[in-house]
Amino acid sequence: MHLVIMGCGRVGSLLARGLEYRGHTVAVIDIDQDAFRRLGPDFQGKTVKGLGFDRDVLRRAGIEKADGFAAVSSGDNSNIIAARVVRETFNVSNVVARIYDQGRAEVYERLGIPSVATVRWAADQMMRRLLPSGSEPLWRDPSGSVRLMEIYANPGWVGKKITQMEAAAKCRIPFVLRFGAGIVPGDQSVFQDGDLLYAAVANEQVADVEDLFSKAPV
């Protein structure tokens, strides 16, 4: 895959190196030539100085053959404009933008531009580590009506089938973390000691699901 990144700050440079390490070709755009030093001497991708929403700059970065575009500069407006130009002018559907303003992030999610609301993400991660498991979701949809919860179930559930647990909670358990590895449960999968559940639930179910799994089954 060929991927274009706008912004060579800490996030952009880390993303670029990570993608290249996985065998993809990468082009990085930044208005500051010195920013490319963050990529390190081993970076084999392309660097393009200029504005990430400038069509000529994007073409030099190979946007016309790109499989994906990430706008991770420090400015919300620049990221939003660049994401829209790439989608609407160059028809690249795989686009993501980093947005600091949570309200804007939700608006652009609804317009079909996936975004990462940096402040919200950081706050959620902190909250999840301060509060009991499940109090803050791992993921939630833009409308805020559905979330993915991380749940440590009571040991009394050990030996129960995952399908039985889904039926009891009236929710889906799309995967389980077991000994550090993710498992997609099948019809006969059984909950084991130490398993960490991930449950997809509607907002109104959260309290009931947490309460159910905090206790041994009746």
Protein backbone atom coordinates (compact mmCIF):
# COMPACT_ATOMS: atom_id res chain seq x y z
CA MET A 1 0.00 0.00 0.00
CA HIS A 2 1.06 3.61 -0.59
CA LEU A 3 0.11 5.93 2.26
CA VAL A 4 0.40 9.69 2.54
CA ILE A 5 0.76 11.45 5.90
CA MET A 6 0.30 15.16 6.47
CA GLY A 7 2.25 16.32 9.49
CA CYS A 8 5.66 15.16 10.66
CA GLY A 9 5.34 15.82 14.36
CA ARG A 10 5.63 13.09 16.98
CA VAL A 11 2.47 11.31 15.81
CA GLY A 12 3.15 11.64 12.08
CA SER A 13 6.77 10.52 12.28
CA LEU A 14 5.91 7.54 14.49
CA LEU A 15 3.08 6.58 12.15
CA ALA A 16 5.33 6.90 9.08
CA ARG A 17 8.06 4.72 10.55
CA GLY A 18 5.54 2.15 11.73
CA LEU A 19 3.90 1.88 8.31
CA GLU A 20 7.23 1.62 6.52
CA TYR A 21 8.36 -1.07 8.96
CA ARG A 22 5.29 -3.07 7.92
CA GLY A 23 6.35 -2.93 4.29
CA HIS A 24 4.25 -0.04 2.97
CA THR A 25 5.50 2.91 0.94
CA VAL A 26 5.06 6.22 2.71
CA ALA A 27 5.15 9.90 1.75
CA VAL A 28 5.20 12.55 4.47
CA ILE A 29 4.13 16.17 3.97
CA ASP A 30 5.12 19.02 6.28
CA ILE A 31 5.54 22.76 5.88
CA ASP A 32 8.71 22.68 8.02
CA GLN A 33 11.70 21.01 6.35
CA ASP A 34 13.37 20.45 9.72
CA ALA A 35 10.43 18.34 10.88
CA PHE A 36 11.56 15.49 8.63
CA ARG A 37 14.54 14.92 10.94
CA ARG A 38 12.12 13.09 13.23
CA LEU A 39 11.86 10.31 10.65
CA GLY A 40 15.47 9.30 11.30
CA PRO A 41 18.26 8.36 8.89
CA ASP A 42 16.79 4.95 8.01
CA PHE A 43 13.49 6.28 6.62
CA GLN A 44 13.23 5.30 2.95
CA GLY A 45 9.97 7.06 2.11
CA LYS A 46 9.36 10.35 0.38
CA THR A 47 9.28 13.75 2.10
CA VAL A 48 7.47 16.70 0.55
CA LYS A 49 7.70 20.24 1.89
CA GLY A 50 4.48 22.21 1.61
CA LEU A 51 0.87 22.53 2.74
CA GLY A 52 -0.94 19.23 3.03
CA PHE A 53 -4.11 20.53 1.41
CA ASP A 54 -2.32 21.99 -1.64
CA ARG A 55 -3.23 19.84 -4.64
CA ASP A 56 0.20 20.08 -6.25
CA VAL A 57 1.90 19.13 -3.00
CA LEU A 58 -0.44 16.17 -2.63
CA ARG A 59 0.32 15.06 -6.19
CA ARG A 60 4.07 15.19 -5.48
CA ALA A 61 3.42 12.94 -2.50
CA GLY A 62 1.70 10.42 -4.77
CA ILE A 63 -1.87 11.00 -3.64
CA GLU A 64 -3.22 9.91 -7.02
CA LYS A 65 -2.03 6.36 -6.35
CA ALA A 66 -2.49 6.44 -2.58
CA ASP A 67 -4.41 3.76 -0.69
CA GLY A 68 -4.83 5.95 2.38
CA PHE A 69 -4.27 9.43 3.83
CA ALA A 70 -3.73 10.57 7.41
CA ALA A 71 -3.97 14.23 8.43
CA VAL A 72 -2.10 14.54 11.73
CA SER A 73 -0.78 18.10 11.76
CA SER A 74 -1.21 20.28 14.85
CA GLY A 75 -4.10 22.27 13.34
CA ASP A 76 -7.71 21.09 13.25
CA ASN A 77 -8.61 23.32 10.31
CA SER A 78 -5.67 22.13 8.23
CA ASN A 79 -6.46 18.49 8.98
CA ILE A 80 -10.13 18.90 8.10
CA ILE A 81 -9.44 20.78 4.85
CA ALA A 82 -6.77 18.30 3.78
CA ALA A 83 -9.01 15.32 4.51
CA ARG A 84 -11.83 16.80 2.47
CA VAL A 85 -9.57 17.71 -0.47
CA VAL A 86 -8.15 14.20 -0.56
CA ARG A 87 -11.58 12.58 -0.43
CA GLU A 88 -13.45 14.92 -2.75
CA THR A 89 -10.74 15.82 -5.28
CA PHE A 90 -8.64 12.67 -5.40
CA ASN A 91 -11.36 10.16 -4.43
CA VAL A 92 -9.31 8.51 -1.71
CA SER A 93 -11.85 6.85 0.56
CA ASN A 94 -9.45 5.66 3.26
CA VAL A 95 -8.90 8.97 5.07
CA VAL A 96 -8.49 9.77 8.77
CA ALA A 97 -7.96 13.12 10.48
CA ARG A 98 -6.67 13.98 13.93
CA ILE A 99 -8.97 16.54 15.56
CA TYR A 100 -8.45 18.18 18.93
CA ASP A 101 -11.99 19.62 19.17
CA GLN A 102 -14.35 16.78 20.15
CA GLY A 103 -17.40 18.57 18.74
CA ARG A 104 -15.77 18.94 15.34
CA ALA A 105 -14.63 15.34 15.39
CA GLU A 106 -18.19 14.11 15.86
CA VAL A 107 -19.46 16.34 13.04
CA TYR A 108 -16.85 15.07 10.61
CA GLU A 109 -17.46 11.45 11.64
CA ARG A 110 -21.08 11.95 10.57
CA LEU A 111 -19.88 13.40 7.26
CA GLY A 112 -17.92 10.23 6.62
CA ILE A 113 -14.44 11.42 7.61
CA PRO A 114 -13.12 9.15 10.40
CA SER A 115 -11.32 11.18 13.02
CA VAL A 116 -9.34 10.74 16.21
CA ALA A 117 -10.29 13.32 18.82
CA THR A 118 -6.96 13.58 20.62
CA VAL A 119 -8.15 15.23 23.83
CA ARG A 120 -11.15 12.94 24.18
CA TRP A 121 -9.01 9.85 23.53
CA ALA A 122 -6.43 10.88 26.14
CA ALA A 123 -9.11 11.72 28.72
CA ASP A 124 -10.88 8.41 28.12
CA GLN A 125 -7.64 6.46 28.50
CA MET A 126 -6.88 8.23 31.79
CA MET A 127 -10.45 7.73 33.01
CA ARG A 128 -10.37 4.02 32.22
CA ARG A 129 -7.26 3.62 34.35
CA LEU A 130 -8.60 5.66 37.28
CA LEU A 131 -12.10 4.22 37.47
CA PRO A 132 -13.30 0.62 37.77
CA SER A 133 -13.15 -1.44 34.58
CA GLY A 134 -15.92 -0.65 32.17
CA SER A 135 -16.68 2.83 33.48
CA GLU A 136 -15.24 4.37 30.33
CA PRO A 137 -15.57 2.67 26.93
CA LEU A 138 -12.70 1.49 24.78
CA TRP A 139 -14.66 2.75 21.78
CA ARG A 140 -17.94 4.50 21.11
CA ASP A 141 -19.71 5.41 17.91
CA PRO A 142 -20.00 9.09 16.86
CA SER A 143 -23.60 9.33 18.07
CA GLY A 144 -22.56 8.07 21.50
CA SER A 145 -25.27 5.39 21.56
CA VAL A 146 -23.08 2.26 21.30
CA ARG A 147 -19.85 1.42 23.08
CA LEU A 148 -17.27 -1.33 23.47
CA MET A 149 -16.63 -2.18 27.11
CA GLU A 150 -13.72 -3.98 28.72
CA ILE A 151 -15.07 -6.27 31.45
CA TYR A 152 -13.45 -8.36 34.16
CA ALA A 153 -16.18 -10.90 34.89
CA ASN A 154 -16.69 -12.50 38.28
CA PRO A 155 -14.84 -15.85 38.58
CA GLY A 156 -18.22 -17.48 39.08
CA TRP A 157 -18.70 -17.27 35.31
CA VAL A 158 -15.74 -19.59 34.64
CA GLY A 159 -16.93 -22.65 32.75
CA LYS A 160 -19.91 -20.90 31.17
CA LYS A 161 -20.14 -20.71 27.40
CA ILE A 162 -19.64 -17.24 25.93
CA THR A 163 -22.97 -17.64 24.14
CA GLN A 164 -24.64 -18.16 27.54
CA MET A 165 -23.01 -15.00 28.82
CA GLU A 166 -24.22 -13.08 25.76
CA ALA A 167 -27.75 -14.35 26.30
CA ALA A 168 -27.69 -13.40 29.98
CA ALA A 169 -26.37 -9.89 29.27
CA LYS A 170 -28.43 -9.38 26.09
CA CYS A 171 -25.34 -8.08 24.29
CA ARG A 172 -22.61 -9.32 21.96
CA ILE A 173 -19.13 -10.36 23.11
CA PRO A 174 -17.15 -10.06 19.86
CA PHE A 175 -13.81 -11.08 21.34
CA VAL A 176 -12.00 -12.21 24.47
CA LEU A 177 -8.43 -11.50 25.56
CA ARG A 178 -6.80 -14.71 26.82
CA PHE A 179 -3.15 -14.83 27.91
CA GLY A 180 -2.51 -11.62 25.96
CA ALA A 181 -4.02 -12.89 22.70
CA GLY A 182 -7.38 -11.96 21.21
CA ILE A 183 -9.87 -14.74 20.53
CA VAL A 184 -13.10 -14.53 18.54
CA PRO A 185 -15.39 -16.90 20.44
CA GLY A 186 -17.26 -19.66 18.64
CA ASP A 187 -20.48 -21.40 19.65
CA GLN A 188 -18.64 -23.76 21.99
CA SER A 189 -16.13 -21.29 23.47
CA VAL A 190 -16.03 -21.35 27.27
CA PHE A 191 -15.10 -18.51 29.61
CA GLN A 192 -11.83 -19.33 31.38
CA ASP A 193 -10.17 -18.00 34.50
CA GLY A 194 -8.26 -14.81 33.64
CA ASP A 195 -10.22 -14.07 30.47
CA LEU A 196 -10.95 -10.40 29.76
CA LEU A 197 -14.27 -9.83 28.00
CA TYR A 198 -15.04 -7.16 25.42
CA ALA A 199 -18.77 -6.45 25.16
CA ALA A 200 -20.57 -4.34 22.57
CA VAL A 201 -23.49 -2.66 24.32
CA ALA A 202 -26.00 0.14 23.92
CA ASN A 203 -25.59 3.01 26.39
CA GLU A 204 -28.74 2.13 28.27
CA GLN A 205 -27.38 -1.38 28.91
CA VAL A 206 -24.10 -0.36 30.52
CA ALA A 207 -25.19 -0.40 34.18
CA ASP A 208 -27.06 -3.70 33.79
CA VAL A 209 -24.16 -5.42 32.01
CA GLU A 210 -21.60 -4.21 34.57
CA ASP A 211 -23.85 -5.32 37.42
CA LEU A 212 -24.49 -8.73 35.86
CA PHE A 213 -20.84 -9.63 35.33
CA SER A 214 -19.68 -8.20 38.65
CA LYS A 215 -21.49 -11.07 40.39
CA ALA A 216 -21.52 -14.84 40.02
CA PRO A 217 -24.40 -16.15 37.88
CA VAL A 218 -27.48 -17.26 39.75
